[in-house]
């Protein structure tokens, strides 16, 4: 099955998994443009707003979440991981994994910008899509 399954609810999947997150605390350059960060990019092509719940996993701490992010119908939402505060601030300078659970299908990608040490590194991390039947 394609990861971009189109049905009446929109493109994408309801569950996505990222295993390689890292949000640096240090940055160089002008803020906010060059603030080091991870940004979760969510695309909702469906006709209904959806609530996306995020759970963050660490190597030495219990999972934290859910963080709730609303994505409007037929809209894109870019959520900085560094800005997630409730129920607890995401820990900076620590590797993390992220599980994305949405009420409606979405397409998800994690964008990484690292401006430490006067350099600029940018990458996109592709997730593993899961169906709820896969779990």
N, C-alpha and C. Protein backbone atom coordinates (compact mmCIF):
# COMPACT_ATOMS: atom_id res chain seq x y z
N UNK A 1 0.84 -1.17 0.00
CA UNK A 1 0.00 0.00 0.00
C UNK A 1 0.89 1.24 0.00
N UNK A 2 0.53 2.23 -0.77
CA UNK A 2 1.28 3.48 -0.83
C UNK A 2 1.16 4.25 0.48
N UNK A 3 2.20 4.99 0.85
CA UNK A 3 2.12 5.81 2.05
C UNK A 3 1.23 7.02 1.82
N UNK A 4 0.90 7.32 0.55
CA UNK A 4 0.05 8.44 0.22
C UNK A 4 -1.30 7.94 -0.27
N UNK A 5 -1.99 7.23 0.57
CA UNK A 5 -3.29 6.68 0.24
C UNK A 5 -4.33 7.79 0.24
N UNK A 6 -5.04 7.95 -0.87
CA UNK A 6 -6.08 8.97 -0.97
C UNK A 6 -7.42 8.32 -0.75
N UNK A 7 -8.15 8.86 0.20
CA UNK A 7 -9.54 8.44 0.40
C UNK A 7 -10.35 9.68 0.72
N UNK A 8 -11.58 9.52 1.11
CA UNK A 8 -12.43 10.68 1.36
C UNK A 8 -11.92 11.52 2.52
N UNK A 9 -11.02 10.97 3.32
CA UNK A 9 -10.51 11.70 4.48
C UNK A 9 -9.22 12.44 4.17
N UNK A 10 -8.61 12.25 3.01
CA UNK A 10 -7.39 12.95 2.65
C UNK A 10 -6.21 12.02 2.45
N UNK A 11 -5.09 12.59 2.04
CA UNK A 11 -3.87 11.84 1.80
C UNK A 11 -3.13 11.56 3.10
N UNK A 12 -2.33 10.51 3.11
CA UNK A 12 -1.45 10.25 4.23
C UNK A 12 -1.87 9.09 5.09
N UNK A 13 -1.38 9.11 6.30
CA UNK A 13 -1.64 8.09 7.31
C UNK A 13 -1.99 8.76 8.62
N UNK A 14 -2.50 7.99 9.55
CA UNK A 14 -2.84 8.53 10.86
C UNK A 14 -1.69 8.41 11.86
N UNK A 15 -0.74 7.51 11.62
CA UNK A 15 0.37 7.32 12.54
C UNK A 15 1.69 7.36 11.78
N UNK A 16 2.62 8.17 12.31
CA UNK A 16 3.97 8.30 11.75
C UNK A 16 4.97 8.17 12.89
N UNK A 17 6.15 7.60 12.60
CA UNK A 17 7.17 7.40 13.62
C UNK A 17 8.50 7.96 13.12
N UNK A 18 9.12 8.82 13.94
CA UNK A 18 10.45 9.35 13.68
C UNK A 18 11.38 8.84 14.78
N UNK A 19 12.51 8.27 14.39
CA UNK A 19 13.40 7.70 15.41
C UNK A 19 14.65 8.53 15.64
N UNK A 20 14.87 9.60 14.88
CA UNK A 20 16.16 10.30 14.93
C UNK A 20 16.02 11.80 15.16
N UNK A 21 15.25 12.20 16.16
CA UNK A 21 15.12 13.62 16.47
C UNK A 21 16.25 14.12 17.35
N UNK A 22 16.58 15.40 17.18
CA UNK A 22 17.57 16.06 18.03
C UNK A 22 17.37 17.56 17.89
N UNK A 23 17.11 18.24 18.99
CA UNK A 23 16.88 19.69 18.98
C UNK A 23 18.02 20.38 19.73
N UNK A 24 18.96 21.01 18.99
CA UNK A 24 20.08 21.68 19.65
C UNK A 24 19.63 22.93 20.40
N UNK A 25 20.34 23.25 21.48
CA UNK A 25 20.02 24.48 22.22
C UNK A 25 20.84 25.66 21.71
N UNK A 26 21.99 25.42 21.12
CA UNK A 26 22.86 26.50 20.65
C UNK A 26 22.53 26.89 19.22
N UNK A 27 22.72 28.18 18.92
CA UNK A 27 22.47 28.71 17.58
C UNK A 27 23.43 29.85 17.31
N UNK A 28 23.64 30.16 16.04
CA UNK A 28 24.34 31.37 15.64
C UNK A 28 23.51 32.05 14.56
N UNK A 29 23.65 33.33 14.44
CA UNK A 29 22.89 34.06 13.43
C UNK A 29 21.67 34.73 14.03
N UNK A 30 20.91 35.39 13.17
CA UNK A 30 19.73 36.14 13.59
C UNK A 30 18.59 35.22 13.99
N UNK A 31 17.89 35.63 15.06
CA UNK A 31 16.70 34.89 15.49
C UNK A 31 15.47 35.60 14.93
N UNK A 32 14.41 34.90 14.61
CA UNK A 32 14.23 33.45 14.73
C UNK A 32 14.67 32.67 13.50
N UNK A 33 15.09 33.35 12.44
CA UNK A 33 15.39 32.67 11.17
C UNK A 33 16.45 31.59 11.31
N UNK A 34 17.50 31.86 12.13
CA UNK A 34 18.61 30.92 12.22
C UNK A 34 18.71 30.25 13.59
N UNK A 35 17.58 30.18 14.30
CA UNK A 35 17.55 29.44 15.56
C UNK A 35 17.58 27.95 15.23
N UNK A 36 18.53 27.22 15.83
CA UNK A 36 18.58 25.77 15.61
C UNK A 36 17.27 25.16 16.09
N UNK A 37 16.75 24.20 15.32
CA UNK A 37 15.43 23.66 15.66
C UNK A 37 15.11 22.41 14.85
N UNK A 38 14.11 21.69 15.35
CA UNK A 38 13.39 20.67 14.58
C UNK A 38 12.00 21.23 14.37
N UNK A 39 11.46 21.06 13.19
CA UNK A 39 10.11 21.51 12.89
C UNK A 39 9.35 20.33 12.31
N UNK A 40 8.21 20.01 12.91
CA UNK A 40 7.35 18.96 12.38
C UNK A 40 6.41 19.60 11.36
N UNK A 41 6.50 19.13 10.12
CA UNK A 41 5.66 19.65 9.03
C UNK A 41 4.51 18.68 8.82
N UNK A 42 3.28 19.18 8.98
CA UNK A 42 2.07 18.36 8.86
C UNK A 42 1.20 18.91 7.75
N UNK A 43 0.77 18.05 6.84
CA UNK A 43 -0.12 18.43 5.75
C UNK A 43 -1.43 17.67 5.89
N UNK A 44 -2.53 18.41 5.98
CA UNK A 44 -3.87 17.82 6.05
C UNK A 44 -4.61 18.18 4.78
N UNK A 45 -4.75 17.21 3.86
CA UNK A 45 -5.47 17.46 2.61
C UNK A 45 -6.96 17.15 2.74
N UNK A 46 -7.37 16.66 3.90
CA UNK A 46 -8.76 16.28 4.12
C UNK A 46 -9.68 17.48 4.30
N UNK A 47 -10.94 17.17 4.40
CA UNK A 47 -11.97 18.21 4.50
C UNK A 47 -12.34 18.54 5.94
N UNK A 48 -11.67 17.91 6.91
CA UNK A 48 -11.93 18.19 8.32
C UNK A 48 -10.65 18.56 9.05
N UNK A 49 -10.77 19.49 10.00
CA UNK A 49 -9.65 19.80 10.90
C UNK A 49 -9.30 18.51 11.65
N UNK A 50 -8.02 18.37 11.99
CA UNK A 50 -7.62 17.19 12.74
C UNK A 50 -6.73 17.57 13.92
N UNK A 51 -6.87 16.82 14.99
CA UNK A 51 -6.01 16.96 16.16
C UNK A 51 -4.89 15.92 16.03
N UNK A 52 -3.66 16.39 16.10
CA UNK A 52 -2.49 15.53 16.02
C UNK A 52 -1.86 15.48 17.41
N UNK A 53 -1.66 14.26 17.92
CA UNK A 53 -1.07 14.08 19.24
C UNK A 53 0.35 13.54 19.08
N UNK A 54 1.27 14.19 19.76
CA UNK A 54 2.69 13.84 19.67
C UNK A 54 3.16 13.27 20.99
N UNK A 55 3.94 12.19 20.92
CA UNK A 55 4.58 11.62 22.10
C UNK A 55 6.08 11.56 21.82
N UNK A 56 6.86 12.08 22.78
CA UNK A 56 8.31 12.14 22.64
C UNK A 56 8.93 11.06 23.52
N UNK A 57 9.88 10.31 22.95
CA UNK A 57 10.58 9.23 23.64
C UNK A 57 12.06 9.59 23.76
N UNK A 58 12.64 9.29 24.94
CA UNK A 58 14.06 9.54 25.20
C UNK A 58 14.76 8.23 25.55
N UNK A 59 16.10 8.26 25.54
CA UNK A 59 16.84 7.05 25.88
C UNK A 59 16.97 6.83 27.38
N UNK A 60 16.71 7.88 28.19
CA UNK A 60 16.92 7.74 29.63
C UNK A 60 15.78 8.33 30.47
N UNK A 61 14.61 8.49 29.86
CA UNK A 61 13.47 9.07 30.58
C UNK A 61 12.18 8.48 30.04
N UNK A 62 11.12 8.60 30.82
CA UNK A 62 9.81 8.13 30.38
C UNK A 62 9.29 8.97 29.21
N UNK A 63 8.45 8.41 28.36
CA UNK A 63 7.86 9.19 27.26
C UNK A 63 7.06 10.37 27.81
N UNK A 64 7.01 11.44 27.03
CA UNK A 64 6.27 12.64 27.41
C UNK A 64 5.24 12.94 26.33
N UNK A 65 4.03 13.23 26.77
CA UNK A 65 2.96 13.57 25.84
C UNK A 65 1.63 13.19 26.43
N UNK A 66 0.57 13.41 25.75
CA UNK A 66 0.59 13.92 24.38
C UNK A 66 0.65 15.44 24.33
N UNK A 67 1.35 15.93 23.32
CA UNK A 67 1.29 17.32 22.92
C UNK A 67 0.23 17.37 21.83
N UNK A 68 -0.67 18.32 21.86
CA UNK A 68 -1.73 18.39 20.86
C UNK A 68 -1.51 19.57 19.92
N UNK A 69 -1.60 19.27 18.62
CA UNK A 69 -1.43 20.26 17.57
C UNK A 69 -2.65 20.16 16.65
N UNK A 70 -3.33 21.28 16.41
CA UNK A 70 -4.46 21.29 15.49
C UNK A 70 -3.98 21.67 14.10
N UNK A 71 -4.46 20.93 13.09
CA UNK A 71 -4.15 21.22 11.70
C UNK A 71 -5.47 21.41 10.98
N UNK A 72 -5.68 22.59 10.42
CA UNK A 72 -6.93 22.90 9.74
C UNK A 72 -7.14 22.04 8.51
N UNK A 73 -8.40 21.97 8.09
CA UNK A 73 -8.74 21.23 6.87
C UNK A 73 -8.04 21.87 5.68
N UNK A 74 -7.43 21.02 4.87
CA UNK A 74 -6.72 21.44 3.66
C UNK A 74 -5.69 22.52 3.95
N UNK A 75 -4.93 22.30 5.04
CA UNK A 75 -3.92 23.25 5.48
C UNK A 75 -2.62 22.52 5.83
N UNK A 76 -1.56 23.30 5.94
CA UNK A 76 -0.28 22.80 6.41
C UNK A 76 0.03 23.49 7.73
N UNK A 77 0.68 22.78 8.63
CA UNK A 77 1.07 23.32 9.94
C UNK A 77 2.53 22.97 10.17
N UNK A 78 3.34 23.97 10.48
CA UNK A 78 4.74 23.74 10.83
C UNK A 78 4.88 24.03 12.31
N UNK A 79 5.13 22.98 13.09
CA UNK A 79 5.23 23.07 14.55
C UNK A 79 6.67 22.87 14.97
N UNK A 80 7.27 23.90 15.55
CA UNK A 80 8.63 23.76 16.06
C UNK A 80 8.62 22.86 17.29
N UNK A 81 9.44 21.82 17.25
CA UNK A 81 9.54 20.91 18.39
C UNK A 81 10.07 21.68 19.61
N UNK A 82 10.99 22.62 19.38
CA UNK A 82 11.55 23.42 20.47
C UNK A 82 10.47 24.19 21.22
N UNK A 83 9.34 24.47 20.59
CA UNK A 83 8.26 25.26 21.20
C UNK A 83 7.23 24.42 21.95
N UNK A 84 7.36 23.10 21.93
CA UNK A 84 6.41 22.26 22.66
C UNK A 84 6.72 22.36 24.15
N UNK A 85 5.75 22.84 24.92
CA UNK A 85 5.97 23.12 26.34
C UNK A 85 5.08 22.25 27.23
N UNK A 86 3.83 22.07 26.88
CA UNK A 86 2.87 21.33 27.71
C UNK A 86 2.63 19.95 27.11
N UNK A 87 2.79 18.88 27.87
CA UNK A 87 2.84 18.77 29.31
C UNK A 87 4.23 19.02 29.93
N UNK A 88 5.31 19.04 29.13
CA UNK A 88 6.65 19.36 29.61
C UNK A 88 7.46 19.80 28.41
N UNK A 89 8.41 20.71 28.63
CA UNK A 89 9.25 21.18 27.53
C UNK A 89 10.06 20.01 26.96
N UNK A 90 10.14 19.95 25.63
CA UNK A 90 10.98 18.94 25.00
C UNK A 90 12.43 19.22 25.38
N UNK A 91 13.14 18.18 25.77
CA UNK A 91 14.53 18.33 26.21
C UNK A 91 15.45 18.62 25.02
N UNK A 92 16.22 19.69 25.15
CA UNK A 92 17.16 20.07 24.11
C UNK A 92 18.48 19.33 24.30
N UNK A 93 19.24 19.22 23.22
CA UNK A 93 20.56 18.58 23.22
C UNK A 93 20.50 17.10 23.62
N UNK A 94 19.36 16.47 23.40
CA UNK A 94 19.20 15.04 23.69
C UNK A 94 18.52 14.37 22.50
N UNK A 95 18.99 13.21 22.10
CA UNK A 95 18.29 12.47 21.06
C UNK A 95 16.88 12.10 21.52
N UNK A 96 15.94 12.10 20.60
CA UNK A 96 14.58 11.71 20.93
C UNK A 96 13.93 11.01 19.73
N UNK A 97 12.90 10.26 20.02
CA UNK A 97 12.03 9.67 19.01
C UNK A 97 10.67 10.33 19.14
N UNK A 98 9.90 10.32 18.06
CA UNK A 98 8.62 11.00 18.05
C UNK A 98 7.57 10.12 17.38
N UNK A 99 6.43 9.94 18.06
CA UNK A 99 5.30 9.25 17.46
C UNK A 99 4.21 10.28 17.24
N UNK A 100 3.69 10.30 16.02
CA UNK A 100 2.65 11.24 15.60
C UNK A 100 1.37 10.43 15.38
N UNK A 101 0.33 10.74 16.14
CA UNK A 101 -0.98 10.09 15.98
C UNK A 101 -2.01 11.16 15.64
N UNK A 102 -2.65 11.04 14.49
CA UNK A 102 -3.62 12.02 14.04
C UNK A 102 -5.01 11.39 13.96
N UNK A 103 -6.03 12.20 14.22
CA UNK A 103 -7.41 11.72 14.11
C UNK A 103 -7.80 11.45 12.66
N UNK A 104 -7.22 12.22 11.74
CA UNK A 104 -7.46 12.07 10.30
C UNK A 104 -6.11 11.87 9.62
N UNK A 105 -6.08 11.30 8.41
CA UNK A 105 -4.80 11.11 7.72
C UNK A 105 -4.09 12.43 7.47
N UNK A 106 -2.78 12.43 7.70
CA UNK A 106 -1.91 13.57 7.40
C UNK A 106 -0.63 13.05 6.78
N UNK A 107 0.13 13.94 6.16
CA UNK A 107 1.48 13.64 5.70
C UNK A 107 2.42 14.36 6.65
N UNK A 108 3.46 13.67 7.14
CA UNK A 108 4.36 14.24 8.14
C UNK A 108 5.81 14.15 7.69
N UNK A 109 6.57 15.19 8.04
CA UNK A 109 8.01 15.21 7.79
C UNK A 109 8.66 16.04 8.89
N UNK A 110 9.86 15.68 9.30
CA UNK A 110 10.59 16.42 10.33
C UNK A 110 11.74 17.16 9.67
N UNK A 111 11.77 18.47 9.85
CA UNK A 111 12.77 19.36 9.26
C UNK A 111 13.77 19.72 10.34
N UNK A 112 15.05 19.68 10.02
CA UNK A 112 16.12 19.91 10.99
C UNK A 112 16.98 21.06 10.49
N UNK A 113 17.14 22.09 11.33
CA UNK A 113 18.04 23.19 11.04
C UNK A 113 18.99 23.34 12.20
N UNK A 114 20.28 23.25 11.93
CA UNK A 114 21.32 23.35 12.96
C UNK A 114 22.27 24.47 12.54
N UNK A 115 22.28 25.55 13.33
CA UNK A 115 23.15 26.69 13.02
C UNK A 115 24.28 26.84 14.03
N UNK A 116 24.57 25.77 14.78
CA UNK A 116 25.66 25.84 15.75
C UNK A 116 27.00 26.03 15.04
N UNK A 117 27.95 26.59 15.75
CA UNK A 117 29.35 26.70 15.30
C UNK A 117 29.49 27.56 14.03
N UNK A 118 28.53 28.45 13.78
CA UNK A 118 28.63 29.34 12.63
C UNK A 118 28.34 28.69 11.29
N UNK A 119 27.94 27.43 11.30
CA UNK A 119 27.60 26.73 10.07
C UNK A 119 26.10 26.52 10.01
N UNK A 120 25.61 26.17 8.85
CA UNK A 120 24.19 25.92 8.67
C UNK A 120 23.99 24.54 8.06
N UNK A 121 23.33 23.66 8.80
CA UNK A 121 23.01 22.32 8.30
C UNK A 121 21.49 22.20 8.26
N UNK A 122 20.97 21.73 7.14
CA UNK A 122 19.53 21.56 6.98
C UNK A 122 19.29 20.16 6.42
N UNK A 123 18.30 19.48 6.99
CA UNK A 123 17.93 18.17 6.44
C UNK A 123 16.46 17.91 6.74
N UNK A 124 15.93 16.95 6.03
CA UNK A 124 14.57 16.48 6.27
C UNK A 124 14.64 15.02 6.68
N UNK A 125 13.96 14.68 7.75
CA UNK A 125 13.94 13.30 8.24
C UNK A 125 12.62 12.67 7.82
N UNK A 126 12.71 11.57 7.13
CA UNK A 126 11.50 10.89 6.68
C UNK A 126 11.06 9.88 7.72
N UNK A 127 9.77 9.83 7.98
CA UNK A 127 9.24 8.93 9.01
C UNK A 127 8.92 7.56 8.45
N UNK A 128 8.58 6.68 9.37
CA UNK A 128 8.00 5.39 9.02
C UNK A 128 6.49 5.54 9.19
N UNK A 129 5.71 5.31 8.13
CA UNK A 129 4.25 5.40 8.28
C UNK A 129 3.70 4.09 8.83
N UNK A 130 2.72 4.19 9.70
CA UNK A 130 2.07 3.01 10.24
C UNK A 130 0.57 3.17 10.13
N UNK A 131 -0.11 2.07 9.89
CA UNK A 131 -1.56 2.04 10.03
C UNK A 131 -1.84 1.60 11.45
N UNK A 132 -2.97 1.96 11.98
CA UNK A 132 -3.31 1.50 13.34
C UNK A 132 -3.41 -0.02 13.39
N UNK A 133 -3.66 -0.65 12.24
CA UNK A 133 -3.71 -2.11 12.21
C UNK A 133 -2.31 -2.71 12.27
N UNK A 134 -1.26 -1.88 12.02
CA UNK A 134 0.12 -2.37 12.04
C UNK A 134 0.65 -2.51 13.45
N UNK A 135 -0.01 -1.92 14.43
CA UNK A 135 0.52 -1.91 15.79
C UNK A 135 0.05 -3.09 16.58
